[in-house]
Amino acid sequence: MQKKISKLPFKGTAEQEKKLREIIDANKHDKSLLMAVMQQAQDVYGYLPMEVQEMIAEGMDCLLYTSDA
């Protein structure tokens, strides 16, 4: 199965980023909350663009795995 990554430019707002940072800060102490953070981020943005996934990975101190396959 081929992985699809959007080619559309990411257009998040400052308000969305602020909310995401608040979510990450509230949960970064426990990596087991990663899925909950991703779900909350999806509520904020409506989807999970790569840029948001990168912010979450950095904020939660987790590796972001991508594959070119």
C-alpha atoms as a PDB file:
ATOM      1  CA  MET A   1       0.000   0.000   0.000  1.00  0.00           C
ATOM      2  CA  GLN A   2       1.361   3.349  -1.014  1.00  0.00           C
ATOM      3  CA  LYS A   3       1.510   6.099   1.613  1.00  0.00           C
ATOM      4  CA  LYS A   4      -0.184   9.311   0.502  1.00  0.00           C
ATOM      5  CA  ILE A   5       1.262  12.614   1.668  1.00  0.00           C
ATOM      6  CA  SER A   6      -0.545  15.781   0.722  1.00  0.00           C
ATOM      7  CA  LYS A   7       1.152  18.143  -1.684  1.00  0.00           C
ATOM      8  CA  LEU A   8      -1.055  21.033  -0.577  1.00  0.00           C
ATOM      9  CA  PRO A   9       0.628  23.803   1.411  1.00  0.00           C
ATOM     10  CA  PHE A  10      -0.082  23.740   5.134  1.00  0.00           C
ATOM     11  CA  LYS A  11      -2.031  26.786   6.300  1.00  0.00           C
ATOM     12  CA  GLY A  12      -2.411  26.524  10.053  1.00  0.00           C
ATOM     13  CA  THR A  13      -3.275  29.642  12.040  1.00  0.00           C
ATOM     14  CA  ALA A  14      -1.395  31.114  14.989  1.00  0.00           C
ATOM     15  CA  GLU A  15      -4.423  30.318  17.154  1.00  0.00           C
ATOM     16  CA  GLN A  16      -4.322  26.653  16.114  1.00  0.00           C
ATOM     17  CA  GLU A  17      -0.596  26.440  16.815  1.00  0.00           C
ATOM     18  CA  LYS A  18      -1.056  28.035  20.243  1.00  0.00           C
ATOM     19  CA  LYS A  19      -3.750  25.479  21.095  1.00  0.00           C
ATOM     20  CA  LEU A  20      -1.545  22.628  19.864  1.00  0.00           C
ATOM     21  CA  ARG A  21       1.396  23.850  21.958  1.00  0.00           C
ATOM     22  CA  GLU A  22      -0.895  23.974  25.015  1.00  0.00           C
ATOM     23  CA  ILE A  23      -2.030  20.397  24.368  1.00  0.00           C
ATOM     24  CA  ILE A  24       1.562  19.203  23.961  1.00  0.00           C
ATOM     25  CA  ASP A  25       2.768  21.053  27.072  1.00  0.00           C
ATOM     26  CA  ALA A  26      -0.035  19.535  29.145  1.00  0.00           C
ATOM     27  CA  ASN A  27       0.851  15.996  28.039  1.00  0.00           C
ATOM     28  CA  LYS A  28       4.577  15.892  27.258  1.00  0.00           C
ATOM     29  CA  HIS A  29       5.384  14.385  30.657  1.00  0.00           C
ATOM     30  CA  ASP A  30       3.875  11.046  29.576  1.00  0.00           C
ATOM     31  CA  LYS A  31       4.663   9.573  26.158  1.00  0.00           C
ATOM     32  CA  SER A  32       1.808   7.087  26.561  1.00  0.00           C
ATOM     33  CA  LEU A  33      -0.501  10.079  25.904  1.00  0.00           C
ATOM     34  CA  LEU A  34       0.838  10.478  22.360  1.00  0.00           C
ATOM     35  CA  MET A  35      -2.288   9.061  20.697  1.00  0.00           C
ATOM     36  CA  ALA A  36      -4.520  11.343  22.793  1.00  0.00           C
ATOM     37  CA  VAL A  37      -2.398  14.332  21.749  1.00  0.00           C
ATOM     38  CA  MET A  38      -2.722  13.336  18.094  1.00  0.00           C
ATOM     39  CA  GLN A  39      -6.496  13.005  18.458  1.00  0.00           C
ATOM     40  CA  GLN A  40      -6.732  16.441  20.074  1.00  0.00           C
ATOM     41  CA  ALA A  41      -4.527  17.896  17.325  1.00  0.00           C
ATOM     42  CA  GLN A  42      -6.860  16.402  14.741  1.00  0.00           C
ATOM     43  CA  ASP A  43      -9.770  18.124  16.512  1.00  0.00           C
ATOM     44  CA  VAL A  44      -7.892  21.438  16.294  1.00  0.00           C
ATOM     45  CA  TYR A  45      -6.815  21.170  12.636  1.00  0.00           C
ATOM     46  CA  GLY A  46      -9.443  18.823  11.203  1.00  0.00           C
ATOM     47  CA  TYR A  47      -6.687  16.480   9.995  1.00  0.00           C
ATOM     48  CA  LEU A  48      -3.041  15.671  10.811  1.00  0.00           C
ATOM     49  CA  PRO A  49      -0.732  17.310   8.290  1.00  0.00           C
ATOM     50  CA  MET A  50       2.930  16.348   8.386  1.00  0.00           C
ATOM     51  CA  GLU A  51       3.847  19.732   9.892  1.00  0.00           C
ATOM     52  CA  VAL A  52       1.554  19.066  12.860  1.00  0.00           C
ATOM     53  CA  GLN A  53       2.938  15.544  13.272  1.00  0.00           C
ATOM     54  CA  GLU A  54       6.453  17.026  13.348  1.00  0.00           C
ATOM     55  CA  MET A  55       5.451  19.565  16.033  1.00  0.00           C
ATOM     56  CA  ILE A  56       3.923  16.791  18.122  1.00  0.00           C
ATOM     57  CA  ALA A  57       6.956  14.513  17.733  1.00  0.00           C
ATOM     58  CA  GLU A  58       9.318  17.321  18.723  1.00  0.00           C
ATOM     59  CA  GLY A  59       7.183  18.476  21.641  1.00  0.00           C
ATOM     60  CA  MET A  60       6.597  14.965  22.977  1.00  0.00           C
ATOM     61  CA  ASP A  61      10.253  14.004  22.392  1.00  0.00           C
ATOM     62  CA  CYS A  62       9.261  11.089  20.153  1.00  0.00           C
ATOM     63  CA  LEU A  63      10.670   9.893  16.866  1.00  0.00           C
ATOM     64  CA  LEU A  64       8.648  10.580  13.745  1.00  0.00           C
ATOM     65  CA  TYR A  65       8.990   7.680  11.364  1.00  0.00           C
ATOM     66  CA  THR A  66       8.397   8.249   7.689  1.00  0.00           C
ATOM     67  CA  SER A  67       8.942   5.860   4.848  1.00  0.00           C
ATOM     68  CA  ASP A  68       9.611   6.596   1.215  1.00  0.00           C
ATOM     69  CA  ALA A  69       8.451   3.104   0.316  1.00  0.00           C
END
